[in-house]
Amino acid sequence: MLNYIFNKRNYLKDEFVIENLQILIEIYFYNKIISRNNFENHYKSFKQTMNKINNMNKFNLDKDSSLLEIKNIIVNER
């Protein structure tokens, strides 16, 4: 689902995705952490992703570049 959101760039168009992107990413990582044994690596990626999202919101950074970095973290997680 996140691949679809990132590939179609729905994070810029769809109001639901704009408002709930952080929650969707948190759910993704929650499922990864629960379903796999490698807790430390998944949690580290989760913290890194949440820091990027928080910095993006806090400092009003460019969404495209920040979300591209987040997409790369999620793709590398798989």
C-alpha atoms as a PDB file:
ATOM      1  CA  MET A   1       0.000   0.000   0.000  1.00  0.00           C
ATOM      2  CA  LEU A   2       2.790   2.449   0.822  1.00  0.00           C
ATOM      3  CA  ASN A   3       4.462   1.684  -2.494  1.00  0.00           C
ATOM      4  CA  TYR A   4       1.253   2.637  -4.255  1.00  0.00           C
ATOM      5  CA  ILE A   5       1.009   5.878  -2.279  1.00  0.00           C
ATOM      6  CA  PHE A   6       4.614   6.800  -3.047  1.00  0.00           C
ATOM      7  CA  ASN A   7       4.559   5.747  -6.694  1.00  0.00           C
ATOM      8  CA  LYS A   8       1.301   7.543  -7.501  1.00  0.00           C
ATOM      9  CA  ARG A   9       2.356  10.535  -5.388  1.00  0.00           C
ATOM     10  CA  ASN A  10      -0.904  10.432  -3.481  1.00  0.00           C
ATOM     11  CA  TYR A  11       0.797  12.144  -0.569  1.00  0.00           C
ATOM     12  CA  LEU A  12       0.405  15.372  -2.538  1.00  0.00           C
ATOM     13  CA  LYS A  13      -3.108  14.865  -3.922  1.00  0.00           C
ATOM     14  CA  ASP A  14      -5.243  12.721  -1.658  1.00  0.00           C
ATOM     15  CA  GLU A  15      -6.522  14.515   1.438  1.00  0.00           C
ATOM     16  CA  PHE A  16      -6.854  11.320   3.471  1.00  0.00           C
ATOM     17  CA  VAL A  17      -3.264  10.318   2.745  1.00  0.00           C
ATOM     18  CA  ILE A  18      -1.974  13.807   3.519  1.00  0.00           C
ATOM     19  CA  GLU A  19      -3.639  13.765   6.922  1.00  0.00           C
ATOM     20  CA  ASN A  20      -2.828  10.141   7.801  1.00  0.00           C
ATOM     21  CA  LEU A  21       0.511   9.362   6.185  1.00  0.00           C
ATOM     22  CA  GLN A  22       2.355   9.211   9.478  1.00  0.00           C
ATOM     23  CA  ILE A  23      -0.232   6.819  10.910  1.00  0.00           C
ATOM     24  CA  LEU A  24      -0.004   4.589   7.834  1.00  0.00           C
ATOM     25  CA  ILE A  25       3.768   4.439   8.159  1.00  0.00           C
ATOM     26  CA  GLU A  26       3.499   3.686  11.873  1.00  0.00           C
ATOM     27  CA  ILE A  27       1.101   0.819  11.133  1.00  0.00           C
ATOM     28  CA  TYR A  28       3.503  -0.524   8.508  1.00  0.00           C
ATOM     29  CA  PHE A  29       6.401  -0.580  10.965  1.00  0.00           C
ATOM     30  CA  TYR A  30       4.245  -1.961  13.757  1.00  0.00           C
ATOM     31  CA  ASN A  31       3.352  -4.921  11.550  1.00  0.00           C
ATOM     32  CA  LYS A  32       7.001  -5.393  10.577  1.00  0.00           C
ATOM     33  CA  ILE A  33       8.167  -5.336  14.192  1.00  0.00           C
ATOM     34  CA  ILE A  34       5.463  -7.744  15.362  1.00  0.00           C
ATOM     35  CA  SER A  35       5.813 -10.214  12.492  1.00  0.00           C
ATOM     36  CA  ARG A  36       9.610 -10.473  12.371  1.00  0.00           C
ATOM     37  CA  ASN A  37      12.314 -11.431  14.826  1.00  0.00           C
ATOM     38  CA  ASN A  38      14.687  -8.631  13.882  1.00  0.00           C
ATOM     39  CA  PHE A  39      13.240  -6.079  16.304  1.00  0.00           C
ATOM     40  CA  GLU A  40      16.319  -3.863  16.648  1.00  0.00           C
ATOM     41  CA  ASN A  41      16.775  -3.164  12.930  1.00  0.00           C
ATOM     42  CA  HIS A  42      13.084  -2.523  12.327  1.00  0.00           C
ATOM     43  CA  TYR A  43      12.847  -0.279  15.343  1.00  0.00           C
ATOM     44  CA  LYS A  44      15.910   1.655  14.238  1.00  0.00           C
ATOM     45  CA  SER A  45      14.341   2.190  10.811  1.00  0.00           C
ATOM     46  CA  PHE A  46      11.087   3.200  12.456  1.00  0.00           C
ATOM     47  CA  LYS A  47      12.814   5.823  14.610  1.00  0.00           C
ATOM     48  CA  GLN A  48      14.743   7.149  11.630  1.00  0.00           C
ATOM     49  CA  THR A  49      11.557   7.445   9.589  1.00  0.00           C
ATOM     50  CA  MET A  50       9.620   9.161  12.361  1.00  0.00           C
ATOM     51  CA  ASN A  51      12.481  11.624  12.868  1.00  0.00           C
ATOM     52  CA  LYS A  52      12.379  12.498   9.184  1.00  0.00           C
ATOM     53  CA  ILE A  53       8.612  13.011   9.272  1.00  0.00           C
ATOM     54  CA  ASN A  54       8.816  15.125  12.419  1.00  0.00           C
ATOM     55  CA  ASN A  55      11.600  17.256  10.954  1.00  0.00           C
ATOM     56  CA  MET A  56       9.636  17.637   7.726  1.00  0.00           C
ATOM     57  CA  ASN A  57       6.642  18.942   9.667  1.00  0.00           C
ATOM     58  CA  LYS A  58       8.582  20.957  12.216  1.00  0.00           C
ATOM     59  CA  PHE A  59      10.898  22.780   9.818  1.00  0.00           C
ATOM     60  CA  ASN A  60       8.497  22.863   6.875  1.00  0.00           C
ATOM     61  CA  LEU A  61      10.863  20.913   4.632  1.00  0.00           C
ATOM     62  CA  ASP A  62      10.119  19.893   1.069  1.00  0.00           C
ATOM     63  CA  LYS A  63       7.728  16.934   1.136  1.00  0.00           C
ATOM     64  CA  ASP A  64       8.954  15.365  -2.092  1.00  0.00           C
ATOM     65  CA  SER A  65      12.572  15.019  -1.039  1.00  0.00           C
ATOM     66  CA  SER A  66      11.749  14.002   2.531  1.00  0.00           C
ATOM     67  CA  LEU A  67       9.228  11.385   1.450  1.00  0.00           C
ATOM     68  CA  LEU A  68      11.635  10.075  -1.164  1.00  0.00           C
ATOM     69  CA  GLU A  69      14.103   9.390   1.645  1.00  0.00           C
ATOM     70  CA  ILE A  70      11.350   7.718   3.653  1.00  0.00           C
ATOM     71  CA  LYS A  71      10.398   5.611   0.641  1.00  0.00           C
ATOM     72  CA  ASN A  72      14.018   4.485   0.334  1.00  0.00           C
ATOM     73  CA  ILE A  73      14.075   3.470   3.996  1.00  0.00           C
ATOM     74  CA  ILE A  74      10.879   1.457   3.581  1.00  0.00           C
ATOM     75  CA  VAL A  75      12.028  -0.201   0.350  1.00  0.00           C
ATOM     76  CA  ASN A  76      15.347  -1.160   1.960  1.00  0.00           C
ATOM     77  CA  GLU A  77      13.406  -2.659   4.882  1.00  0.00           C
ATOM     78  CA  ARG A  78      11.949  -5.362   2.671  1.00  0.00           C
END
